[in-house]
Structures are given as C-alpha cells and as structure tokens.
N, C-alpha and C. Protein backbone atom coordinates (compact mmCIF):
# COMPACT_ATOMS: atom_id res chain seq x y z
N UNK A 1 33.53 -101.10 93.52
CA UNK A 1 34.07 -100.07 94.39
C UNK A 1 33.56 -98.73 93.91
N UNK A 2 33.24 -97.88 94.81
CA UNK A 2 32.70 -96.57 94.50
C UNK A 2 33.81 -95.58 94.19
N UNK A 3 33.49 -94.60 93.36
CA UNK A 3 34.45 -93.54 93.08
C UNK A 3 34.59 -92.58 94.25
N UNK A 4 33.65 -92.63 95.19
CA UNK A 4 33.68 -91.73 96.34
C UNK A 4 34.62 -92.29 97.40
N UNK A 5 35.91 -92.24 97.11
CA UNK A 5 36.93 -92.76 98.02
C UNK A 5 37.54 -91.62 98.81
N UNK A 6 37.99 -91.94 99.99
CA UNK A 6 38.64 -90.92 100.81
C UNK A 6 40.13 -90.84 100.51
N UNK A 7 40.66 -91.82 99.85
CA UNK A 7 42.09 -91.83 99.54
C UNK A 7 42.30 -92.34 98.12
N UNK A 8 43.45 -92.04 97.59
CA UNK A 8 43.81 -92.57 96.28
C UNK A 8 44.59 -93.85 96.50
N UNK A 9 44.40 -94.79 95.60
CA UNK A 9 45.13 -96.05 95.66
C UNK A 9 46.56 -95.86 95.20
N UNK A 10 47.44 -96.59 95.82
CA UNK A 10 48.83 -96.59 95.36
C UNK A 10 48.92 -97.58 94.21
N UNK A 11 49.16 -97.07 93.03
CA UNK A 11 49.22 -97.93 91.85
C UNK A 11 50.12 -97.27 90.81
N UNK A 12 50.93 -98.10 90.18
CA UNK A 12 51.82 -97.60 89.13
C UNK A 12 51.43 -98.12 87.75
N UNK A 13 50.83 -99.32 87.71
CA UNK A 13 50.38 -99.90 86.44
C UNK A 13 48.86 -99.92 86.46
N UNK A 14 48.27 -99.17 85.54
CA UNK A 14 46.83 -99.01 85.50
C UNK A 14 46.30 -99.54 84.18
N UNK A 15 45.23 -100.31 84.28
CA UNK A 15 44.57 -100.88 83.11
C UNK A 15 43.22 -100.20 82.93
N UNK A 16 43.01 -99.59 81.77
CA UNK A 16 41.71 -99.05 81.40
C UNK A 16 41.03 -100.03 80.46
N UNK A 17 39.74 -100.27 80.70
CA UNK A 17 38.99 -101.25 79.90
C UNK A 17 37.71 -100.63 79.38
N UNK A 18 37.50 -100.80 78.09
CA UNK A 18 36.22 -100.48 77.45
C UNK A 18 35.75 -101.77 76.81
N UNK A 19 34.75 -102.40 77.42
CA UNK A 19 34.30 -103.71 76.95
C UNK A 19 32.92 -103.61 76.30
N UNK A 20 32.68 -104.53 75.40
CA UNK A 20 31.36 -104.67 74.77
C UNK A 20 31.06 -106.16 74.67
N UNK A 21 29.97 -106.50 74.04
CA UNK A 21 29.65 -107.92 73.88
C UNK A 21 30.52 -108.57 72.81
N UNK A 22 31.25 -107.74 72.05
CA UNK A 22 32.05 -108.27 70.95
C UNK A 22 33.56 -108.17 71.17
N UNK A 23 34.00 -107.32 72.11
CA UNK A 23 35.43 -107.12 72.27
C UNK A 23 35.76 -106.47 73.60
N UNK A 24 37.06 -106.47 73.90
CA UNK A 24 37.58 -105.70 75.02
C UNK A 24 38.72 -104.84 74.47
N UNK A 25 38.57 -103.54 74.67
CA UNK A 25 39.65 -102.62 74.33
C UNK A 25 40.36 -102.31 75.65
N UNK A 26 41.68 -102.19 75.60
CA UNK A 26 42.44 -101.98 76.82
C UNK A 26 43.59 -101.02 76.59
N UNK A 27 44.04 -100.44 77.69
CA UNK A 27 45.23 -99.60 77.66
C UNK A 27 45.90 -99.74 79.02
N UNK A 28 47.17 -100.02 79.01
CA UNK A 28 47.95 -100.09 80.25
C UNK A 28 48.90 -98.90 80.28
N UNK A 29 48.81 -98.16 81.38
CA UNK A 29 49.73 -97.06 81.63
C UNK A 29 50.60 -97.44 82.81
N UNK A 30 51.88 -97.17 82.70
CA UNK A 30 52.79 -97.35 83.84
C UNK A 30 53.40 -95.99 84.14
N UNK A 31 53.18 -95.54 85.36
CA UNK A 31 53.61 -94.19 85.76
C UNK A 31 53.18 -93.15 84.73
N UNK A 32 51.92 -93.28 84.33
CA UNK A 32 51.25 -92.34 83.40
C UNK A 32 51.76 -92.39 81.96
N UNK A 33 52.54 -93.42 81.63
CA UNK A 33 53.04 -93.56 80.26
C UNK A 33 52.48 -94.83 79.64
N UNK A 34 52.09 -94.78 78.35
CA UNK A 34 51.53 -95.97 77.71
C UNK A 34 52.54 -97.09 77.58
N UNK A 35 52.10 -98.28 77.97
CA UNK A 35 52.93 -99.48 77.89
C UNK A 35 52.39 -100.42 76.81
N UNK A 36 51.07 -100.60 76.82
CA UNK A 36 50.44 -101.53 75.89
C UNK A 36 48.98 -101.13 75.71
N UNK A 37 48.49 -101.30 74.50
CA UNK A 37 47.08 -101.02 74.24
C UNK A 37 46.64 -101.78 73.00
N UNK A 38 45.35 -102.04 72.92
CA UNK A 38 44.82 -102.75 71.77
C UNK A 38 43.38 -103.17 72.01
N UNK A 39 42.91 -104.02 71.10
CA UNK A 39 41.54 -104.51 71.19
C UNK A 39 41.53 -105.99 70.87
N UNK A 40 40.82 -106.74 71.67
CA UNK A 40 40.71 -108.18 71.49
C UNK A 40 39.26 -108.49 71.15
N UNK A 41 39.05 -109.09 69.98
CA UNK A 41 37.69 -109.45 69.56
C UNK A 41 37.33 -110.82 70.10
N UNK A 42 36.07 -110.97 70.45
CA UNK A 42 35.56 -112.25 70.94
C UNK A 42 34.86 -112.98 69.79
N UNK A 43 35.17 -114.25 69.67
CA UNK A 43 34.59 -115.07 68.60
C UNK A 43 33.39 -115.83 69.16
N UNK A 44 32.43 -116.08 68.28
CA UNK A 44 31.27 -116.87 68.66
C UNK A 44 30.01 -116.35 67.99
N UNK A 45 29.09 -117.26 67.78
CA UNK A 45 27.85 -116.90 67.08
C UNK A 45 26.80 -116.34 68.02
N UNK A 46 27.00 -116.48 69.33
CA UNK A 46 26.07 -115.90 70.29
C UNK A 46 26.85 -115.44 71.53
N UNK A 47 26.17 -114.79 72.43
CA UNK A 47 26.84 -114.21 73.60
C UNK A 47 27.49 -115.28 74.46
N UNK A 48 26.92 -116.47 74.51
CA UNK A 48 27.48 -117.53 75.35
C UNK A 48 28.82 -118.03 74.80
N UNK A 49 28.90 -118.18 73.49
CA UNK A 49 30.17 -118.56 72.88
C UNK A 49 31.21 -117.45 73.06
N UNK A 50 30.78 -116.20 72.94
CA UNK A 50 31.70 -115.08 73.12
C UNK A 50 32.15 -114.96 74.58
N UNK A 51 31.27 -115.30 75.52
CA UNK A 51 31.67 -115.30 76.94
C UNK A 51 32.80 -116.31 77.17
N UNK A 52 32.65 -117.49 76.62
CA UNK A 52 33.68 -118.51 76.77
C UNK A 52 34.98 -118.07 76.11
N UNK A 53 34.89 -117.49 74.92
CA UNK A 53 36.07 -117.01 74.23
C UNK A 53 36.73 -115.88 75.02
N UNK A 54 35.91 -114.98 75.57
CA UNK A 54 36.44 -113.88 76.40
C UNK A 54 37.20 -114.45 77.59
N UNK A 55 36.61 -115.42 78.26
CA UNK A 55 37.25 -116.03 79.43
C UNK A 55 38.61 -116.64 79.04
N UNK A 56 38.64 -117.37 77.95
CA UNK A 56 39.89 -118.00 77.51
C UNK A 56 40.96 -116.96 77.15
N UNK A 57 40.56 -115.94 76.42
CA UNK A 57 41.53 -114.94 75.97
C UNK A 57 42.04 -114.09 77.12
N UNK A 58 41.16 -113.67 78.00
CA UNK A 58 41.59 -112.86 79.14
C UNK A 58 42.50 -113.69 80.04
N UNK A 59 42.15 -114.94 80.30
CA UNK A 59 42.98 -115.80 81.14
C UNK A 59 44.34 -116.03 80.50
N UNK A 60 44.38 -116.28 79.20
CA UNK A 60 45.66 -116.52 78.52
C UNK A 60 46.55 -115.29 78.61
N UNK A 61 45.99 -114.13 78.35
CA UNK A 61 46.78 -112.90 78.43
C UNK A 61 47.22 -112.61 79.86
N UNK A 62 46.35 -112.89 80.80
CA UNK A 62 46.70 -112.70 82.21
C UNK A 62 47.82 -113.65 82.61
N UNK A 63 47.75 -114.88 82.15
CA UNK A 63 48.80 -115.86 82.47
C UNK A 63 50.14 -115.51 81.83
N UNK A 64 50.10 -114.76 80.74
CA UNK A 64 51.33 -114.30 80.11
C UNK A 64 51.86 -113.02 80.76
N UNK A 65 51.15 -112.51 81.75
CA UNK A 65 51.57 -111.30 82.44
C UNK A 65 51.09 -110.02 81.79
N UNK A 66 50.30 -110.15 80.74
CA UNK A 66 49.82 -108.98 80.01
C UNK A 66 49.01 -108.05 80.91
N UNK A 67 48.19 -108.60 81.77
CA UNK A 67 47.35 -107.78 82.63
C UNK A 67 47.87 -107.77 84.06
N UNK A 68 49.18 -107.77 84.19
CA UNK A 68 49.82 -107.66 85.51
C UNK A 68 49.81 -106.18 85.88
N UNK A 69 48.72 -105.77 86.54
CA UNK A 69 48.52 -104.36 86.86
C UNK A 69 48.16 -104.21 88.33
N UNK A 70 48.21 -102.97 88.82
CA UNK A 70 47.85 -102.66 90.20
C UNK A 70 46.41 -102.20 90.34
N UNK A 71 45.82 -101.73 89.25
CA UNK A 71 44.55 -101.03 89.34
C UNK A 71 43.83 -101.15 88.00
N UNK A 72 42.51 -101.35 88.03
CA UNK A 72 41.71 -101.45 86.81
C UNK A 72 40.59 -100.42 86.87
N UNK A 73 40.46 -99.64 85.80
CA UNK A 73 39.33 -98.74 85.62
C UNK A 73 38.52 -99.26 84.44
N UNK A 74 37.27 -99.58 84.70
CA UNK A 74 36.39 -100.10 83.64
C UNK A 74 35.24 -99.13 83.46
N UNK A 75 34.86 -98.96 82.21
CA UNK A 75 33.77 -98.03 81.93
C UNK A 75 32.47 -98.62 82.47
N UNK A 76 31.77 -97.85 83.28
CA UNK A 76 30.50 -98.28 83.85
C UNK A 76 29.46 -98.39 82.74
N UNK A 77 28.56 -99.31 82.92
CA UNK A 77 27.47 -99.45 81.97
C UNK A 77 26.61 -98.20 81.96
N UNK A 78 26.19 -97.83 80.81
CA UNK A 78 25.32 -96.67 80.66
C UNK A 78 23.99 -97.15 80.11
N UNK A 79 23.09 -96.26 79.89
CA UNK A 79 21.79 -96.63 79.37
C UNK A 79 21.97 -97.30 78.01
N UNK A 80 21.37 -98.46 77.87
CA UNK A 80 21.44 -99.19 76.61
C UNK A 80 20.05 -99.20 75.99
N UNK A 81 20.00 -99.51 74.71
CA UNK A 81 18.75 -99.44 73.96
C UNK A 81 17.72 -100.48 74.42
N UNK A 82 18.19 -101.59 74.98
CA UNK A 82 17.23 -102.60 75.42
C UNK A 82 17.79 -103.35 76.62
N UNK A 83 16.89 -103.87 77.42
CA UNK A 83 17.29 -104.69 78.56
C UNK A 83 18.06 -105.92 78.09
N UNK A 84 17.64 -106.47 76.98
CA UNK A 84 18.29 -107.66 76.42
C UNK A 84 19.78 -107.40 76.16
N UNK A 85 20.10 -106.26 75.56
CA UNK A 85 21.51 -105.91 75.30
C UNK A 85 22.24 -105.67 76.61
N UNK A 86 21.59 -104.99 77.55
CA UNK A 86 22.20 -104.73 78.85
C UNK A 86 22.57 -106.01 79.57
N UNK A 87 21.72 -107.00 79.49
CA UNK A 87 22.01 -108.29 80.14
C UNK A 87 23.20 -108.96 79.47
N UNK A 88 23.26 -108.93 78.15
CA UNK A 88 24.39 -109.53 77.44
C UNK A 88 25.69 -108.82 77.80
N UNK A 89 25.64 -107.50 77.91
CA UNK A 89 26.84 -106.75 78.30
C UNK A 89 27.26 -107.15 79.72
N UNK A 90 26.31 -107.32 80.60
CA UNK A 90 26.62 -107.73 81.97
C UNK A 90 27.29 -109.10 82.00
N UNK A 91 26.86 -110.01 81.15
CA UNK A 91 27.50 -111.33 81.08
C UNK A 91 28.98 -111.19 80.74
N UNK A 92 29.27 -110.44 79.68
CA UNK A 92 30.66 -110.27 79.23
C UNK A 92 31.48 -109.55 80.29
N UNK A 93 30.94 -108.46 80.85
CA UNK A 93 31.65 -107.73 81.90
C UNK A 93 31.96 -108.66 83.06
N UNK A 94 31.00 -109.49 83.43
CA UNK A 94 31.19 -110.41 84.55
C UNK A 94 32.33 -111.38 84.31
N UNK A 95 32.41 -111.92 83.11
CA UNK A 95 33.49 -112.85 82.76
C UNK A 95 34.84 -112.14 82.86
N UNK A 96 34.92 -110.96 82.26
CA UNK A 96 36.18 -110.20 82.27
C UNK A 96 36.60 -109.89 83.70
N UNK A 97 35.67 -109.38 84.48
CA UNK A 97 36.00 -108.97 85.85
C UNK A 97 36.35 -110.18 86.72
N UNK A 98 35.67 -111.29 86.53
CA UNK A 98 35.99 -112.49 87.31
C UNK A 98 37.43 -112.92 87.07
N UNK A 99 37.86 -112.87 85.83
CA UNK A 99 39.25 -113.23 85.51
C UNK A 99 40.24 -112.26 86.14
N UNK A 100 39.97 -110.96 86.04
CA UNK A 100 40.90 -109.97 86.56
C UNK A 100 40.91 -109.93 88.08
N UNK A 101 39.77 -110.14 88.70
CA UNK A 101 39.69 -110.04 90.16
C UNK A 101 40.37 -111.20 90.88
N UNK A 102 40.65 -112.28 90.17
CA UNK A 102 41.35 -113.41 90.79
C UNK A 102 42.67 -112.99 91.41
N UNK A 103 43.29 -111.95 90.87
CA UNK A 103 44.59 -111.50 91.37
C UNK A 103 44.46 -110.43 92.45
N UNK A 104 43.26 -110.26 92.97
CA UNK A 104 43.01 -109.29 94.06
C UNK A 104 43.42 -107.87 93.64
N UNK A 105 43.03 -107.50 92.44
CA UNK A 105 43.32 -106.18 91.90
C UNK A 105 42.15 -105.26 92.24
N UNK A 106 42.45 -104.01 92.57
CA UNK A 106 41.39 -103.05 92.82
C UNK A 106 40.76 -102.63 91.49
N UNK A 107 39.43 -102.67 91.44
CA UNK A 107 38.68 -102.32 90.25
C UNK A 107 37.72 -101.18 90.57
N UNK A 108 37.67 -100.18 89.70
CA UNK A 108 36.77 -99.05 89.87
C UNK A 108 35.99 -98.85 88.57
N UNK A 109 34.68 -98.70 88.70
CA UNK A 109 33.85 -98.33 87.57
C UNK A 109 33.88 -96.82 87.41
N UNK A 110 33.91 -96.38 86.18
CA UNK A 110 33.94 -94.94 85.92
C UNK A 110 32.91 -94.63 84.84
N UNK A 111 32.04 -93.69 85.10
CA UNK A 111 31.05 -93.30 84.10
C UNK A 111 31.73 -92.56 82.95
N UNK A 112 31.28 -92.82 81.74
CA UNK A 112 31.93 -92.22 80.58
C UNK A 112 32.08 -90.70 80.67
N UNK A 113 31.03 -90.01 81.07
CA UNK A 113 31.11 -88.54 81.08
C UNK A 113 32.15 -88.05 82.09
N UNK A 114 32.44 -88.84 83.13
CA UNK A 114 33.44 -88.43 84.12
C UNK A 114 34.82 -88.35 83.49
N UNK A 115 35.26 -89.45 82.84
CA UNK A 115 36.59 -89.41 82.25
C UNK A 115 36.62 -88.53 81.00
N UNK A 116 35.51 -88.49 80.25
CA UNK A 116 35.47 -87.65 79.06
C UNK A 116 35.60 -86.17 79.43
N UNK A 117 34.89 -85.78 80.48
CA UNK A 117 34.98 -84.39 80.93
C UNK A 117 36.39 -84.05 81.39
N UNK A 118 37.05 -85.01 82.04
CA UNK A 118 38.41 -84.78 82.52
C UNK A 118 39.37 -84.47 81.38
N UNK A 119 39.18 -85.13 80.24
CA UNK A 119 40.08 -84.87 79.11
C UNK A 119 39.60 -83.71 78.25
N UNK A 120 38.53 -83.04 78.67
CA UNK A 120 38.03 -81.88 77.95
C UNK A 120 36.97 -82.19 76.92
N UNK A 121 36.42 -83.39 76.95
CA UNK A 121 35.44 -83.84 75.96
C UNK A 121 34.04 -83.91 76.60
N UNK A 122 33.57 -82.76 77.07
CA UNK A 122 32.28 -82.69 77.74
C UNK A 122 31.14 -82.83 76.74
N UNK A 123 29.94 -83.11 77.27
CA UNK A 123 28.77 -83.12 76.40
C UNK A 123 28.63 -81.76 75.73
N UNK A 124 28.12 -81.78 74.51
CA UNK A 124 27.92 -80.53 73.78
C UNK A 124 26.87 -79.67 74.47
N UNK A 125 27.12 -78.38 74.48
CA UNK A 125 26.15 -77.41 74.99
C UNK A 125 25.11 -77.13 73.90
N UNK A 126 24.06 -76.42 74.24
CA UNK A 126 23.05 -76.04 73.25
C UNK A 126 23.68 -75.21 72.13
N UNK A 127 24.59 -74.33 72.50
CA UNK A 127 25.26 -73.49 71.50
C UNK A 127 26.09 -74.34 70.54
N UNK A 128 26.82 -75.32 71.08
CA UNK A 128 27.64 -76.19 70.23
C UNK A 128 26.76 -77.05 69.32
N UNK A 129 25.64 -77.54 69.85
CA UNK A 129 24.72 -78.33 69.03
C UNK A 129 24.15 -77.48 67.90
N UNK A 130 23.81 -76.25 68.22
CA UNK A 130 23.26 -75.36 67.19
C UNK A 130 24.32 -75.05 66.12
N UNK A 131 25.57 -74.93 66.52
CA UNK A 131 26.65 -74.68 65.55
C UNK A 131 26.75 -75.83 64.55
N UNK A 132 26.58 -77.05 65.02
CA UNK A 132 26.61 -78.22 64.12
C UNK A 132 25.42 -78.13 63.16
N UNK A 133 24.25 -77.77 63.68
CA UNK A 133 23.07 -77.64 62.82
C UNK A 133 23.26 -76.53 61.79
N UNK A 134 23.89 -75.45 62.21
CA UNK A 134 24.13 -74.34 61.29
C UNK A 134 25.14 -74.72 60.20
N UNK A 135 26.13 -75.52 60.58
CA UNK A 135 27.15 -75.95 59.61
C UNK A 135 26.59 -76.95 58.61
N UNK A 136 25.66 -77.78 59.05
CA UNK A 136 25.08 -78.84 58.21
C UNK A 136 23.56 -78.74 58.24
N UNK A 137 22.98 -77.70 57.64
CA UNK A 137 21.53 -77.51 57.73
C UNK A 137 20.74 -78.58 56.98
N UNK A 138 19.51 -78.79 57.46
CA UNK A 138 18.59 -79.66 56.74
C UNK A 138 18.67 -81.14 57.04
N UNK A 139 19.39 -81.53 58.06
CA UNK A 139 19.51 -82.95 58.39
C UNK A 139 18.56 -83.32 59.54
N UNK A 140 18.39 -84.60 59.75
CA UNK A 140 17.49 -85.08 60.80
C UNK A 140 18.17 -84.98 62.17
N UNK A 141 17.37 -85.02 63.21
CA UNK A 141 17.91 -85.00 64.58
C UNK A 141 18.86 -86.18 64.80
N UNK A 142 18.52 -87.32 64.25
CA UNK A 142 19.40 -88.50 64.38
C UNK A 142 20.74 -88.23 63.71
N UNK A 143 20.72 -87.61 62.55
CA UNK A 143 21.97 -87.29 61.86
C UNK A 143 22.83 -86.39 62.72
N UNK A 144 22.22 -85.36 63.34
CA UNK A 144 22.98 -84.43 64.19
C UNK A 144 23.55 -85.15 65.41
N UNK A 145 22.77 -86.02 66.03
CA UNK A 145 23.26 -86.77 67.19
C UNK A 145 24.46 -87.63 66.80
N UNK A 146 24.36 -88.29 65.64
CA UNK A 146 25.48 -89.12 65.17
C UNK A 146 26.70 -88.28 64.83
N UNK A 147 26.49 -87.11 64.24
CA UNK A 147 27.61 -86.22 63.91
C UNK A 147 28.33 -85.76 65.17
N UNK A 148 27.57 -85.37 66.18
CA UNK A 148 28.16 -84.95 67.46
C UNK A 148 28.89 -86.11 68.10
N UNK A 149 28.29 -87.28 68.04
CA UNK A 149 28.94 -88.48 68.60
C UNK A 149 30.28 -88.72 67.91
N UNK A 150 30.30 -88.61 66.57
CA UNK A 150 31.54 -88.81 65.82
C UNK A 150 32.57 -87.72 66.15
N UNK A 151 32.11 -86.48 66.30
CA UNK A 151 33.02 -85.40 66.68
C UNK A 151 33.68 -85.69 68.03
N UNK A 152 32.88 -86.18 68.97
CA UNK A 152 33.41 -86.47 70.31
C UNK A 152 34.38 -87.66 70.26
N UNK A 153 34.07 -88.66 69.45
CA UNK A 153 34.99 -89.79 69.30
C UNK A 153 36.32 -89.30 68.72
N UNK A 154 36.24 -88.43 67.72
CA UNK A 154 37.45 -87.89 67.10
C UNK A 154 38.26 -87.09 68.11
N UNK A 155 37.59 -86.35 68.97
CA UNK A 155 38.27 -85.58 70.01
C UNK A 155 39.09 -86.52 70.90
N UNK A 156 38.45 -87.62 71.35
CA UNK A 156 39.16 -88.58 72.22
C UNK A 156 40.34 -89.21 71.49
N UNK A 157 40.14 -89.60 70.24
CA UNK A 157 41.24 -90.17 69.45
C UNK A 157 42.41 -89.20 69.38
N UNK A 158 42.13 -87.94 69.10
CA UNK A 158 43.19 -86.94 68.98
C UNK A 158 43.87 -86.69 70.33
N UNK A 159 43.08 -86.60 71.40
CA UNK A 159 43.65 -86.38 72.74
C UNK A 159 44.63 -87.51 73.08
N UNK A 160 44.23 -88.75 72.86
CA UNK A 160 45.09 -89.88 73.20
C UNK A 160 46.30 -89.94 72.24
N UNK A 161 46.10 -89.58 70.98
CA UNK A 161 47.22 -89.51 70.04
C UNK A 161 48.27 -88.55 70.56
N UNK A 162 47.82 -87.40 71.06
CA UNK A 162 48.74 -86.40 71.60
C UNK A 162 49.48 -86.91 72.84
N UNK A 163 48.94 -87.93 73.49
CA UNK A 163 49.57 -88.53 74.67
C UNK A 163 50.43 -89.75 74.30
N UNK A 164 50.54 -90.04 73.00
CA UNK A 164 51.40 -91.13 72.55
C UNK A 164 50.68 -92.44 72.29
N UNK A 165 49.37 -92.42 72.30
CA UNK A 165 48.60 -93.64 72.04
C UNK A 165 48.01 -93.50 70.64
N UNK A 166 48.67 -94.14 69.69
CA UNK A 166 48.32 -94.00 68.28
C UNK A 166 47.40 -95.15 67.90
N UNK A 167 46.13 -94.83 67.65
CA UNK A 167 45.16 -95.85 67.30
C UNK A 167 44.08 -95.23 66.43
N UNK A 168 43.43 -96.05 65.64
CA UNK A 168 42.26 -95.62 64.88
C UNK A 168 40.98 -96.15 65.52
N UNK A 169 41.11 -96.94 66.57
CA UNK A 169 39.96 -97.53 67.25
C UNK A 169 39.45 -96.59 68.35
N UNK A 170 38.19 -96.16 68.21
CA UNK A 170 37.65 -95.31 69.27
C UNK A 170 37.46 -96.11 70.55
N UNK A 171 37.34 -97.43 70.47
CA UNK A 171 37.25 -98.25 71.68
C UNK A 171 38.57 -98.22 72.45
N UNK A 172 39.68 -98.35 71.74
CA UNK A 172 40.99 -98.29 72.38
C UNK A 172 41.22 -96.89 72.95
N UNK A 173 40.83 -95.87 72.21
CA UNK A 173 40.98 -94.50 72.72
C UNK A 173 40.16 -94.31 73.99
N UNK A 174 38.97 -94.90 74.05
CA UNK A 174 38.16 -94.81 75.27
C UNK A 174 38.84 -95.52 76.44
N UNK A 175 39.38 -96.70 76.19
CA UNK A 175 40.10 -97.43 77.25
C UNK A 175 41.28 -96.60 77.73
N UNK A 176 41.97 -95.96 76.82
CA UNK A 176 43.10 -95.11 77.18
C UNK A 176 42.63 -93.89 77.98
N UNK A 177 41.51 -93.33 77.59
CA UNK A 177 40.96 -92.20 78.34
C UNK A 177 40.62 -92.59 79.77
N UNK A 178 40.07 -93.77 79.94
CA UNK A 178 39.78 -94.28 81.28
C UNK A 178 41.06 -94.42 82.09
N UNK A 179 42.07 -95.04 81.49
CA UNK A 179 43.34 -95.23 82.19
C UNK A 179 43.97 -93.88 82.52
N UNK A 180 43.89 -92.93 81.60
CA UNK A 180 44.45 -91.60 81.80
C UNK A 180 43.75 -90.92 82.98
N UNK A 181 42.43 -90.98 83.00
CA UNK A 181 41.65 -90.40 84.10
C UNK A 181 42.05 -91.04 85.43
N UNK A 182 42.08 -92.38 85.46
CA UNK A 182 42.42 -93.09 86.71
C UNK A 182 43.83 -92.75 87.18
N UNK A 183 44.76 -92.65 86.25
CA UNK A 183 46.15 -92.39 86.64
C UNK A 183 46.32 -90.99 87.23
N UNK A 184 45.44 -90.07 86.90
CA UNK A 184 45.54 -88.71 87.38
C UNK A 184 44.59 -88.38 88.53
N UNK A 185 43.57 -89.21 88.74
CA UNK A 185 42.57 -88.87 89.74
C UNK A 185 42.31 -89.93 90.79
N UNK A 186 42.54 -91.19 90.48
CA UNK A 186 42.18 -92.26 91.40
C UNK A 186 43.38 -92.95 92.03
N UNK A 187 44.55 -92.67 91.50
CA UNK A 187 45.75 -93.36 92.00
C UNK A 187 46.84 -92.34 92.28
N UNK A 188 47.83 -92.79 93.02
CA UNK A 188 48.97 -91.94 93.29
C UNK A 188 50.24 -92.72 93.03
C-alpha cells in the first residue's frame, strides 16, 4: 500500500516492524501508548532455516494474540550493499508479511528517513557533518559516517525512551519510531 493515501486508516493498535535477515524488532502502540515491544531472533545457519524459524515464531505469537493489531507499519527496504543481501531480506520480509496479512490487516511501508524526520532525526546537514569532523579530527570518512550513524541511533533511542519505550536495542527503537510515526500520521 502506498503512503499517498487520501484518508487515514481507523486504527487503535499499531504494530511497527523493523526486520532483518536475523530478527524482527517490533513495537505495538495502542491509542499512541506502548503496549509491547521487543526483538525476536531467528535461528538457523542460512537464510532458508531462518525463514522457517521466522514463520514459526511469527505464527506462534500471532496465534497467542501478540500481533492482534489494526495496522502494520514496516520499514521499507533501502539500498543494501549487495543484491544478494537484498534478496535475502526480501525472503524474510515476505515470510513475515505473509503471516501478518492472513488476518486482513492493513500494511504500509515507510521509508526510514520519513519516520526519522518526523521524530526530529533528519539526515545530518553539511554543517553538522563538519562539526563532527571538527570534534574528532584526523579520522577516515568511514569513521565519520559510522559516528554520525551512531549519533542518529542514539537520538532515536533517547526519543523513544522519552515516550516510555525503554530499550537498548536500536532495532526496537526503530520499530517504535515507525509505530509512533504511523500512529500520528497514517491512522486516526
């Protein structure tokens, strides 16, 4: 479903998902308040074993009512380092979404910068990047990119902490950020 909707969905329980080939981080908000959040790791020596484990775990939690929600916001895939990794991510996303869609739940993909900007965690400007270089002179471009990435992760963790979602996992914080964005912009 596209974000270019003419109306907001009526939803009270919103699930934010940040998935990878190794885990699914989630956050459920009910009427904009945190109900449940965490991260589920997938077991297996390759992507196929992890797909099967993901299917089993998502189905079990769904059958227990854990993912009894009105609306799902999942982080859209972004540019990945290789096509091979992108394909593996698509496999896992497909398994997760197939399980969740069985209940006829509305699902929306959201690009990371969209929800990050909403919570005030925009991409660094040239001035902000230069400030990091000035604070830590003499490092490589890769070091600076990683430092900025860590700063932005810390920003999201702190923002969600201030909203009552206490976690040390940046994946869980991202899932919460997605749910927060959806609860304020995509649903009513």
